[in-house]
């Protein structure tokens, strides 16, 4: 009986040390114990077996805490949007992104670039995507370019497909067919 008590005590000691070591590693990495870390993430979303969106990033941290559930891409993100024929219609990149589950909001930050297949381009420091409203917006400086025009703005709103864009506080060069 005494041998079993010693073995149980030693086993508990090893489990406690092991558990403490994993907690220590998590703290040293700056991660909460309520977080999961994934490398080389590749997520695809489809609707009715048709590819809609592909999200890739070198690192994703999934925070599981109920009040703060979110996914972070601290080392960058690339989002490919697909048209009904299965071709990439636009690409969105940023150096950092966070998706807040409870709010249905995605915030992309630092060197945000949206590029369409038609060579339309939007560059800004931050972009907010409201998934429920299917709207994309910000109130930051931006540069929008097409093969012919360059527009500067102090914010914008758009649908999530970027087919209907309104730029706030515009300035820039536009080619005009006629002055009439």
Protein backbone atom coordinates (compact mmCIF):
# COMPACT_ATOMS: atom_id res chain seq x y z
CA UNK A 1 0.00 0.00 0.00
CA UNK A 2 2.83 2.38 0.88
CA UNK A 3 4.47 1.77 -2.54
CA UNK A 4 1.26 2.84 -4.33
CA UNK A 5 1.15 6.07 -2.32
CA UNK A 6 4.77 6.87 -3.30
CA UNK A 7 4.09 6.10 -6.97
CA UNK A 8 0.96 8.24 -6.89
CA UNK A 9 2.89 11.12 -5.27
CA UNK A 10 5.72 10.86 -7.83
CA UNK A 11 3.24 10.70 -10.73
CA UNK A 12 1.41 13.77 -9.41
CA UNK A 13 4.72 15.62 -9.08
CA UNK A 14 5.65 14.83 -12.72
CA UNK A 15 2.18 15.84 -13.96
CA UNK A 16 2.34 19.11 -12.01
CA UNK A 17 5.83 19.91 -13.33
CA UNK A 18 4.77 19.07 -16.87
CA UNK A 19 1.61 21.15 -16.57
CA UNK A 20 3.59 24.05 -15.07
CA UNK A 21 6.11 23.83 -17.91
CA UNK A 22 3.38 24.07 -20.57
CA UNK A 23 1.81 27.03 -18.72
CA UNK A 24 5.24 28.66 -18.52
CA UNK A 25 5.80 28.13 -22.26
CA UNK A 26 2.42 29.72 -23.02
CA UNK A 27 3.20 32.73 -20.84
CA UNK A 28 6.67 33.11 -22.38
CA UNK A 29 5.15 33.07 -25.88
CA UNK A 30 2.73 35.77 -24.78
CA UNK A 31 -0.29 33.53 -25.29
CA UNK A 32 -3.22 33.12 -22.97
CA UNK A 33 -4.00 29.60 -21.86
CA UNK A 34 -7.33 30.10 -23.62
CA UNK A 35 -5.66 30.46 -27.02
CA UNK A 36 -4.75 28.11 -29.84
CA UNK A 37 -1.94 28.85 -32.30
CA UNK A 38 -1.85 27.51 -35.86
CA UNK A 39 0.87 27.89 -38.49
CA UNK A 40 0.52 28.09 -42.27
CA UNK A 41 -3.24 28.55 -42.11
CA UNK A 42 -5.33 27.97 -45.23
CA UNK A 43 -9.11 28.38 -44.77
CA UNK A 44 -11.67 28.13 -47.55
CA UNK A 45 -15.33 29.18 -47.49
CA UNK A 46 -17.82 27.90 -50.01
CA UNK A 47 -21.54 28.21 -50.64
CA UNK A 48 -23.45 25.45 -52.44
CA UNK A 49 -20.12 23.75 -53.27
CA UNK A 50 -18.83 26.94 -54.94
CA UNK A 51 -15.60 28.45 -53.61
CA UNK A 52 -16.21 31.99 -52.31
CA UNK A 53 -13.19 32.99 -50.21
CA UNK A 54 -9.74 31.61 -49.38
CA UNK A 55 -7.86 32.99 -46.35
CA UNK A 56 -4.16 32.33 -45.80
CA UNK A 57 -1.69 33.45 -43.17
CA UNK A 58 1.59 32.28 -41.65
CA UNK A 59 0.17 32.40 -38.09
CA UNK A 60 -3.34 32.44 -36.63
CA UNK A 61 -4.11 32.72 -32.94
CA UNK A 62 -7.61 31.66 -31.94
CA UNK A 63 -8.65 33.15 -28.58
CA UNK A 64 -11.25 30.91 -26.96
CA UNK A 65 -12.24 33.07 -23.97
CA UNK A 66 -16.02 33.49 -24.25
CA UNK A 67 -16.08 37.27 -23.74
CA UNK A 68 -13.14 37.90 -26.10
CA UNK A 69 -13.48 35.22 -28.80
CA UNK A 70 -11.45 36.30 -31.80
CA UNK A 71 -8.97 35.12 -34.40
CA UNK A 72 -5.80 37.12 -34.99
CA UNK A 73 -3.39 36.98 -37.90
CA UNK A 74 -0.41 38.85 -36.37
CA UNK A 75 2.04 38.01 -39.18
CA UNK A 76 -0.14 38.98 -42.12
CA UNK A 77 -3.11 37.75 -44.08
CA UNK A 78 -4.13 37.20 -47.71
CA UNK A 79 -7.77 36.85 -48.71
CA UNK A 80 -8.69 35.72 -52.23
CA UNK A 81 -12.30 36.39 -53.34
CA UNK A 82 -13.70 34.20 -56.13
CA UNK A 83 -16.29 35.00 -58.80
CA UNK A 84 -19.04 32.53 -59.84
CA UNK A 85 -16.80 31.04 -62.54
CA UNK A 86 -14.20 30.07 -59.89
CA UNK A 87 -11.60 32.69 -60.78
CA UNK A 88 -10.03 35.14 -58.32
CA UNK A 89 -11.95 38.42 -58.62
CA UNK A 90 -9.95 40.33 -56.00
CA UNK A 91 -7.22 39.95 -53.39
CA UNK A 92 -7.03 41.64 -50.00
CA UNK A 93 -3.77 41.72 -48.00
CA UNK A 94 -2.68 43.26 -44.69
CA UNK A 95 0.14 42.89 -42.21
CA UNK A 96 -2.35 42.18 -39.39
CA UNK A 97 -6.00 41.15 -39.08
CA UNK A 98 -8.45 40.39 -36.28
CA UNK A 99 -11.92 38.85 -36.52
CA UNK A 100 -14.24 39.39 -33.55
CA UNK A 101 -16.78 36.54 -33.42
CA UNK A 102 -19.45 38.17 -31.25
CA UNK A 103 -19.49 41.43 -33.23
CA UNK A 104 -19.13 39.92 -36.70
CA UNK A 105 -16.40 42.46 -37.46
CA UNK A 106 -13.05 41.95 -39.20
CA UNK A 107 -10.38 44.65 -38.80
CA UNK A 108 -7.41 44.63 -41.16
CA UNK A 109 -4.49 46.90 -40.28
CA UNK A 110 -1.11 48.04 -41.51
CA UNK A 111 -0.49 48.23 -45.25
CA UNK A 112 -3.98 47.12 -46.29
CA UNK A 113 -4.27 46.60 -50.06
CA UNK A 114 -7.31 45.48 -52.05
CA UNK A 115 -6.59 44.67 -55.72
CA UNK A 116 -9.25 43.65 -58.27
CA UNK A 117 -8.75 41.54 -61.37
CA UNK A 118 -9.64 44.70 -63.35
CA UNK A 119 -6.57 46.51 -61.92
CA UNK A 120 -8.53 48.64 -59.46
CA UNK A 121 -6.58 49.14 -56.25
CA UNK A 122 -7.30 50.56 -52.80
CA UNK A 123 -4.51 51.23 -50.28
CA UNK A 124 -5.08 52.30 -46.68
CA UNK A 125 -3.87 51.75 -43.13
CA UNK A 126 -7.08 50.14 -41.86
CA UNK A 127 -10.15 48.46 -43.26
CA UNK A 128 -13.21 47.32 -41.29
CA UNK A 129 -15.54 44.64 -42.66
CA UNK A 130 -18.98 44.23 -41.07
CA UNK A 131 -19.98 40.70 -42.02
CA UNK A 132 -23.68 41.12 -41.10
CA UNK A 133 -24.16 44.31 -43.15
CA UNK A 134 -21.79 43.05 -45.87
CA UNK A 135 -20.14 46.49 -45.80
CA UNK A 136 -16.49 47.53 -45.83
CA UNK A 137 -15.43 50.97 -44.57
CA UNK A 138 -12.94 53.20 -42.77
CA UNK A 139 -12.32 56.85 -41.89
CA UNK A 140 -8.60 56.82 -42.67
CA UNK A 141 -6.51 58.22 -45.51
CA UNK A 142 -6.65 56.09 -48.66
CA UNK A 143 -5.45 55.97 -52.23
CA UNK A 144 -7.67 54.42 -54.89
CA UNK A 145 -6.23 53.83 -58.35
CA UNK A 146 -7.45 52.50 -61.67
CA UNK A 147 -5.42 52.21 -64.87
CA UNK A 148 -6.55 55.77 -65.70
CA UNK A 149 -7.24 57.59 -62.40
CA UNK A 150 -5.84 58.21 -58.92
CA UNK A 151 -8.12 59.36 -56.08
CA UNK A 152 -7.14 60.31 -52.53
CA UNK A 153 -9.71 60.17 -49.77
CA UNK A 154 -10.33 60.51 -46.05
CA UNK A 155 -12.51 57.43 -45.73
CA UNK A 156 -14.85 55.23 -47.72
CA UNK A 157 -17.75 52.82 -47.63
CA UNK A 158 -18.28 49.93 -50.02
CA UNK A 159 -20.18 46.70 -50.37
CA UNK A 160 -18.07 43.63 -49.57
CA UNK A 161 -17.54 42.92 -53.29
CA UNK A 162 -16.19 46.46 -53.85
CA UNK A 163 -18.59 46.95 -56.75
CA UNK A 164 -20.20 50.03 -55.13
CA UNK A 165 -17.64 52.36 -53.51
CA UNK A 166 -18.17 55.85 -52.07
CA UNK A 167 -14.99 57.76 -51.15
CA UNK A 168 -15.26 60.54 -48.56
CA UNK A 169 -13.25 63.78 -48.84
CA UNK A 170 -11.92 63.10 -52.33
CA UNK A 171 -9.02 64.73 -54.09
CA UNK A 172 -7.11 63.55 -57.15
CA UNK A 173 -6.87 63.28 -60.92
CA UNK A 174 -9.68 62.02 -63.12
CA UNK A 175 -9.76 61.81 -66.91
CA UNK A 176 -12.96 63.32 -68.25
CA UNK A 177 -14.44 62.53 -71.66
CA UNK A 178 -15.90 65.98 -72.09
CA UNK A 179 -16.70 69.02 -69.96
CA UNK A 180 -20.38 69.11 -70.93
